[in-house]
Amino acid sequence: MCIKVSIIKEFTVDKKSVGGSRSGADEVILSTDKGQMKSHASTLHFILDCVSAQHDITSYLSLLKRDGRLTLVGAPEHPLPVSVFSLIFKLGSIISWIIVEFHKYCLKLYCAQYN
């Protein structure tokens, strides 16, 4: 099974950095672009959130498919607000981990689950 990797960014410095090829991703989704967020709604199985600053994870939850998972490895100073309804109707889950090199471990788990 082929895995498609998408990067979700808040902004881009220039048009060239939007492509994602430099990072190895298949595509880049700008979280500030409502059109892109809407067109990618319910398309992702898994989101690995590495942001340790305050940010809106509710908008990310809209990108998850049914039974999707958002895994937090960043540690914001204050709790993140979450819209519970964005999880209930999709049977989604939010998981939080503090493990060094967890992104590699998580990718292995994801590949094992969907292969």
C-alpha atoms as a PDB file:
ATOM      1  CA  MET A   1       0.000   0.000   0.000  1.00  0.00           C
ATOM      2  CA  CYS A   2       1.276   3.444  -0.899  1.00  0.00           C
ATOM      3  CA  ILE A   3       1.291   6.169   1.734  1.00  0.00           C
ATOM      4  CA  LYS A   4       0.591   9.760   0.752  1.00  0.00           C
ATOM      5  CA  VAL A   5       2.286  12.361   2.957  1.00  0.00           C
ATOM      6  CA  SER A   6       0.799  15.827   3.386  1.00  0.00           C
ATOM      7  CA  ILE A   7       2.241  18.732   5.348  1.00  0.00           C
ATOM      8  CA  ILE A   8      -0.148  21.146   7.022  1.00  0.00           C
ATOM      9  CA  LYS A   9       1.387  24.610   7.341  1.00  0.00           C
ATOM     10  CA  GLU A  10       0.021  27.838   8.743  1.00  0.00           C
ATOM     11  CA  PHE A  11       1.753  30.048   6.189  1.00  0.00           C
ATOM     12  CA  THR A  12       4.290  30.041   3.414  1.00  0.00           C
ATOM     13  CA  VAL A  13       7.100  32.495   2.802  1.00  0.00           C
ATOM     14  CA  ASP A  14       6.923  32.274  -0.975  1.00  0.00           C
ATOM     15  CA  LYS A  15       5.033  30.379  -3.658  1.00  0.00           C
ATOM     16  CA  LYS A  16       7.957  27.996  -4.282  1.00  0.00           C
ATOM     17  CA  SER A  17       7.846  26.549  -0.764  1.00  0.00           C
ATOM     18  CA  VAL A  18       4.195  25.502  -1.144  1.00  0.00           C
ATOM     19  CA  GLY A  19       5.086  22.538  -3.371  1.00  0.00           C
ATOM     20  CA  GLY A  20       6.320  20.225  -0.639  1.00  0.00           C
ATOM     21  CA  SER A  21       8.920  18.506  -2.836  1.00  0.00           C
ATOM     22  CA  ARG A  22      11.755  20.026  -0.818  1.00  0.00           C
ATOM     23  CA  SER A  23      10.464  18.316   2.335  1.00  0.00           C
ATOM     24  CA  GLY A  24       9.615  15.047   0.595  1.00  0.00           C
ATOM     25  CA  ALA A  25       5.870  15.495   1.079  1.00  0.00           C
ATOM     26  CA  ASP A  26       3.376  14.749  -1.684  1.00  0.00           C
ATOM     27  CA  GLU A  27       1.503  17.974  -0.986  1.00  0.00           C
ATOM     28  CA  VAL A  28       1.288  20.955   1.341  1.00  0.00           C
ATOM     29  CA  ILE A  29      -2.011  22.115   2.831  1.00  0.00           C
ATOM     30  CA  LEU A  30      -2.158  25.705   4.035  1.00  0.00           C
ATOM     31  CA  SER A  31      -4.248  25.752   7.210  1.00  0.00           C
ATOM     32  CA  THR A  32      -5.010  29.449   6.694  1.00  0.00           C
ATOM     33  CA  ASP A  33      -6.554  28.783   3.265  1.00  0.00           C
ATOM     34  CA  LYS A  34     -10.203  27.861   3.881  1.00  0.00           C
ATOM     35  CA  GLY A  35     -10.564  26.506   0.338  1.00  0.00           C
ATOM     36  CA  GLN A  36      -7.677  24.068   0.754  1.00  0.00           C
ATOM     37  CA  MET A  37      -8.879  22.967   4.190  1.00  0.00           C
ATOM     38  CA  LYS A  38     -12.385  22.365   2.830  1.00  0.00           C
ATOM     39  CA  SER A  39     -11.129  20.431  -0.202  1.00  0.00           C
ATOM     40  CA  HIS A  40      -9.057  18.168   2.069  1.00  0.00           C
ATOM     41  CA  ALA A  41     -11.836  17.584   4.619  1.00  0.00           C
ATOM     42  CA  SER A  42     -12.195  13.929   5.658  1.00  0.00           C
ATOM     43  CA  THR A  43      -9.198  12.808   3.575  1.00  0.00           C
ATOM     44  CA  LEU A  44      -6.541  11.928   6.179  1.00  0.00           C
ATOM     45  CA  HIS A  45      -6.263   8.771   8.300  1.00  0.00           C
ATOM     46  CA  PHE A  46      -3.611  10.145  10.607  1.00  0.00           C
ATOM     47  CA  ILE A  47      -2.157  13.518  11.608  1.00  0.00           C
ATOM     48  CA  LEU A  48       1.103  13.818  13.516  1.00  0.00           C
ATOM     49  CA  ASP A  49       1.018  17.240  15.196  1.00  0.00           C
ATOM     50  CA  CYS A  50       4.486  18.388  16.260  1.00  0.00           C
ATOM     51  CA  VAL A  51       3.564  21.998  17.077  1.00  0.00           C
ATOM     52  CA  SER A  52       4.391  22.993  20.657  1.00  0.00           C
ATOM     53  CA  ALA A  53       2.747  26.442  20.449  1.00  0.00           C
ATOM     54  CA  GLN A  54      -0.928  27.311  20.860  1.00  0.00           C
ATOM     55  CA  HIS A  55      -2.850  26.395  17.695  1.00  0.00           C
ATOM     56  CA  ASP A  56      -6.320  25.415  16.543  1.00  0.00           C
ATOM     57  CA  ILE A  57      -6.502  21.623  16.361  1.00  0.00           C
ATOM     58  CA  THR A  58     -10.242  21.657  15.700  1.00  0.00           C
ATOM     59  CA  SER A  59      -9.573  22.698  12.106  1.00  0.00           C
ATOM     60  CA  TYR A  60      -7.134  19.782  11.788  1.00  0.00           C
ATOM     61  CA  LEU A  61      -9.747  17.352  13.100  1.00  0.00           C
ATOM     62  CA  SER A  62     -11.974  18.247  10.148  1.00  0.00           C
ATOM     63  CA  LEU A  63      -9.298  16.759   7.869  1.00  0.00           C
ATOM     64  CA  LEU A  64      -9.548  13.311   9.479  1.00  0.00           C
ATOM     65  CA  LYS A  65     -11.530  10.437   7.990  1.00  0.00           C
ATOM     66  CA  ARG A  66     -13.863   8.347  10.128  1.00  0.00           C
ATOM     67  CA  ASP A  67     -11.866   6.625  12.899  1.00  0.00           C
ATOM     68  CA  GLY A  68      -8.959   8.991  12.180  1.00  0.00           C
ATOM     69  CA  ARG A  69      -6.291   9.837  14.737  1.00  0.00           C
ATOM     70  CA  LEU A  70      -4.534  13.044  15.641  1.00  0.00           C
ATOM     71  CA  THR A  71      -1.363  12.418  17.630  1.00  0.00           C
ATOM     72  CA  LEU A  72       0.168  15.301  19.561  1.00  0.00           C
ATOM     73  CA  VAL A  73       3.888  15.177  20.250  1.00  0.00           C
ATOM     74  CA  GLY A  74       4.324  18.900  20.882  1.00  0.00           C
ATOM     75  CA  ALA A  75       3.664  20.226  24.374  1.00  0.00           C
ATOM     76  CA  PRO A  76       1.927  23.631  24.372  1.00  0.00           C
ATOM     77  CA  GLU A  77       2.171  25.689  27.547  1.00  0.00           C
ATOM     78  CA  HIS A  78      -1.634  25.821  27.939  1.00  0.00           C
ATOM     79  CA  PRO A  79      -4.299  23.193  27.120  1.00  0.00           C
ATOM     80  CA  LEU A  80      -5.581  23.266  23.544  1.00  0.00           C
ATOM     81  CA  PRO A  81      -9.296  23.939  23.042  1.00  0.00           C
ATOM     82  CA  VAL A  82     -11.058  21.090  21.244  1.00  0.00           C
ATOM     83  CA  SER A  83     -14.533  20.876  19.748  1.00  0.00           C
ATOM     84  CA  VAL A  84     -15.792  17.535  21.030  1.00  0.00           C
ATOM     85  CA  PHE A  85     -18.374  17.293  18.241  1.00  0.00           C
ATOM     86  CA  SER A  86     -15.585  17.126  15.656  1.00  0.00           C
ATOM     87  CA  LEU A  87     -14.515  13.830  17.302  1.00  0.00           C
ATOM     88  CA  ILE A  88     -17.881  12.308  18.217  1.00  0.00           C
ATOM     89  CA  PHE A  89     -19.386  12.165  14.754  1.00  0.00           C
ATOM     90  CA  LYS A  90     -16.222  10.748  13.155  1.00  0.00           C
ATOM     91  CA  LEU A  91     -15.345   8.397  16.025  1.00  0.00           C
ATOM     92  CA  GLY A  92     -11.947  10.068  15.973  1.00  0.00           C
ATOM     93  CA  SER A  93      -9.324  10.199  18.687  1.00  0.00           C
ATOM     94  CA  ILE A  94      -6.598  12.468  19.976  1.00  0.00           C
ATOM     95  CA  ILE A  95      -3.503  10.843  21.410  1.00  0.00           C
ATOM     96  CA  SER A  96      -0.661  12.607  23.185  1.00  0.00           C
ATOM     97  CA  TRP A  97       2.845  11.210  23.593  1.00  0.00           C
ATOM     98  CA  ILE A  98       6.165  12.459  24.840  1.00  0.00           C
ATOM     99  CA  ILE A  99       8.645   9.994  23.413  1.00  0.00           C
ATOM    100  CA  VAL A 100      11.927  10.846  21.745  1.00  0.00           C
ATOM    101  CA  GLU A 101      11.866   9.769  18.083  1.00  0.00           C
ATOM    102  CA  PHE A 102       8.118   9.087  18.428  1.00  0.00           C
ATOM    103  CA  HIS A 103       7.400  10.242  14.863  1.00  0.00           C
ATOM    104  CA  LYS A 104       9.356   7.266  13.530  1.00  0.00           C
ATOM    105  CA  TYR A 105       7.592   4.889  15.915  1.00  0.00           C
ATOM    106  CA  CYS A 106       4.194   6.304  15.003  1.00  0.00           C
ATOM    107  CA  LEU A 107       4.830   5.993  11.273  1.00  0.00           C
ATOM    108  CA  LYS A 108       5.782   2.332  11.776  1.00  0.00           C
ATOM    109  CA  LEU A 109       2.556   1.709  13.705  1.00  0.00           C
ATOM    110  CA  TYR A 110       0.501   3.429  11.029  1.00  0.00           C
ATOM    111  CA  CYS A 111       2.154   1.436   8.232  1.00  0.00           C
ATOM    112  CA  ALA A 112       1.609  -1.825  10.110  1.00  0.00           C
ATOM    113  CA  GLN A 113      -2.056  -0.996  10.659  1.00  0.00           C
ATOM    114  CA  TYR A 114      -2.856  -0.097   7.042  1.00  0.00           C
ATOM    115  CA  ASN A 115      -0.630  -2.588   5.206  1.00  0.00           C
END
